[in-house]
Amino acid sequence: MKDLSAVRARYIRDPLPVRLGGLAADLARIASFSQNPANIVPVADLMREAAHFIEWCAPESDLESQVTLLELQRRLARWRMRLSQRFPDQAWRDQVIAEAQRWSQRVLEMSGLLAET
């Protein structure tokens, strides 16, 4: 795992919409990397990083976004708890892929970055 203090320092320099965009990108990477059962370690690392990103951006988010981010953090925790046993199962990975893609889109919409293009 990366040095969290360095990652945090870099992450919090960006405005909140960019940070949420980074979280959405991590979720998209979780979906992408989960297609290959050999990627359990990078998927676990991305799940941990995404949980930290939530921790670092939620306090600056509005209440509705905080509730959404907390729900996402719980989902990530559930995935991580089952990861070592369930990751080899294609059906489980397919479910994670679909959910991670939906969450990625939801967080990206929440960021407001889509409205700026």
Protein backbone atom coordinates (compact mmCIF):
# COMPACT_ATOMS: atom_id res chain seq x y z
CA MET A 1 0.00 0.00 0.00
CA LYS A 2 1.13 3.50 -0.75
CA ASP A 3 2.22 6.00 1.90
CA LEU A 4 -1.19 7.29 3.00
CA SER A 5 0.07 10.65 4.22
CA ALA A 6 1.52 11.46 0.80
CA VAL A 7 -1.59 10.21 -0.98
CA ARG A 8 -3.83 12.23 1.35
CA ALA A 9 -1.77 15.39 0.97
CA ARG A 10 -2.01 15.14 -2.81
CA TYR A 11 -5.69 14.20 -2.79
CA ILE A 12 -6.94 17.04 -0.57
CA ARG A 13 -5.16 19.70 -2.65
CA ASP A 14 -7.77 19.26 -5.37
CA PRO A 15 -11.22 20.82 -5.20
CA LEU A 16 -14.03 18.53 -4.03
CA PRO A 17 -15.44 17.85 -7.54
CA VAL A 18 -12.03 16.66 -8.73
CA ARG A 19 -11.64 14.46 -5.64
CA LEU A 20 -15.04 12.89 -6.30
CA GLY A 21 -13.96 12.37 -9.90
CA GLY A 22 -10.89 10.53 -8.59
CA LEU A 23 -13.12 8.34 -6.45
CA ALA A 24 -15.32 7.61 -9.49
CA ALA A 25 -12.18 6.67 -11.45
CA ASP A 26 -11.11 4.24 -8.69
CA LEU A 27 -14.55 2.62 -8.83
CA ALA A 28 -14.27 2.27 -12.60
CA ARG A 29 -10.83 0.68 -12.15
CA ILE A 30 -12.30 -1.76 -9.60
CA ALA A 31 -14.85 -2.78 -12.23
CA SER A 32 -12.22 -3.10 -14.94
CA PHE A 33 -9.62 -4.95 -12.88
CA SER A 34 -12.24 -7.33 -11.46
CA GLN A 35 -12.69 -8.87 -14.90
CA ASN A 36 -9.49 -10.86 -14.33
CA PRO A 37 -9.39 -13.23 -11.31
CA ALA A 38 -5.61 -12.74 -11.10
CA ASN A 39 -6.12 -9.08 -10.11
CA ILE A 40 -7.22 -9.68 -6.51
CA VAL A 41 -4.34 -7.66 -5.01
CA PRO A 42 -4.81 -4.52 -7.13
CA VAL A 43 -8.58 -4.72 -6.63
CA ALA A 44 -8.11 -4.94 -2.85
CA ASP A 45 -5.72 -1.96 -2.99
CA LEU A 46 -8.21 0.07 -5.05
CA MET A 47 -11.00 -0.75 -2.61
CA ARG A 48 -8.86 0.45 0.31
CA GLU A 49 -7.86 3.59 -1.57
CA ALA A 50 -11.49 4.35 -2.48
CA ALA A 51 -12.49 3.99 1.18
CA HIS A 52 -9.80 6.52 2.12
CA PHE A 53 -10.92 8.89 -0.64
CA ILE A 54 -14.43 8.78 0.84
CA GLU A 55 -13.06 9.52 4.30
CA TRP A 56 -11.14 12.51 2.95
CA CYS A 57 -13.91 14.08 0.90
CA ALA A 58 -17.09 13.31 2.85
CA PRO A 59 -16.58 16.02 5.51
CA GLU A 60 -16.66 18.72 2.82
CA SER A 61 -19.68 17.24 1.03
CA ASP A 62 -23.29 18.24 1.58
CA LEU A 63 -25.41 16.03 3.84
CA GLU A 64 -27.07 14.10 1.01
CA SER A 65 -23.67 13.34 -0.55
CA GLN A 66 -22.30 12.28 2.84
CA VAL A 67 -25.13 9.75 3.18
CA THR A 68 -24.41 8.43 -0.33
CA LEU A 69 -20.68 8.22 0.36
CA LEU A 70 -21.30 6.38 3.64
CA GLU A 71 -23.46 3.85 1.78
CA LEU A 72 -20.65 3.39 -0.74
CA GLN A 73 -18.08 2.97 2.02
CA ARG A 74 -20.20 0.22 3.57
CA ARG A 75 -20.46 -1.49 0.17
CA LEU A 76 -16.67 -1.35 -0.25
CA ALA A 77 -16.21 -2.85 3.22
CA ARG A 78 -18.57 -5.72 2.37
CA TRP A 79 -16.70 -6.43 -0.86
CA ARG A 80 -13.34 -6.37 0.92
CA MET A 81 -14.56 -8.75 3.64
CA ARG A 82 -15.56 -11.33 1.01
CA LEU A 83 -12.79 -10.66 -1.49
CA SER A 84 -10.39 -13.50 -0.64
CA GLN A 85 -13.12 -16.15 -0.65
CA ARG A 86 -15.38 -14.88 -3.45
CA PHE A 87 -13.05 -13.22 -5.98
CA PRO A 88 -12.38 -16.47 -7.91
CA ASP A 89 -16.16 -16.79 -8.49
CA GLN A 90 -17.01 -15.21 -11.87
CA ALA A 91 -20.65 -14.60 -10.90
CA TRP A 92 -19.60 -12.69 -7.78
CA ARG A 93 -17.05 -10.66 -9.76
CA ASP A 94 -19.72 -9.87 -12.35
CA GLN A 95 -21.92 -8.50 -9.57
CA VAL A 96 -19.05 -6.39 -8.21
CA ILE A 97 -18.27 -5.15 -11.72
CA ALA A 98 -21.87 -4.06 -12.31
CA GLU A 99 -22.20 -2.39 -8.91
CA ALA A 100 -18.82 -0.65 -9.16
CA GLN A 101 -19.78 0.73 -12.58
CA ARG A 102 -23.09 2.05 -11.20
CA TRP A 103 -21.34 3.59 -8.20
CA SER A 104 -18.70 5.15 -10.44
CA GLN A 105 -21.40 6.81 -12.55
CA ARG A 106 -23.31 7.94 -9.47
CA VAL A 107 -20.24 9.53 -7.86
CA LEU A 108 -19.24 11.15 -11.15
CA GLU A 109 -22.72 12.69 -11.43
CA MET A 110 -22.52 13.80 -7.80
CA SER A 111 -19.20 15.54 -8.54
CA GLY A 112 -20.77 17.88 -11.05
CA LEU A 113 -17.90 17.30 -13.46
CA LEU A 114 -20.23 15.97 -16.15
CA ALA A 115 -22.17 19.26 -16.17
CA GLU A 116 -18.97 21.22 -16.88
CA THR A 117 -18.25 19.55 -20.23
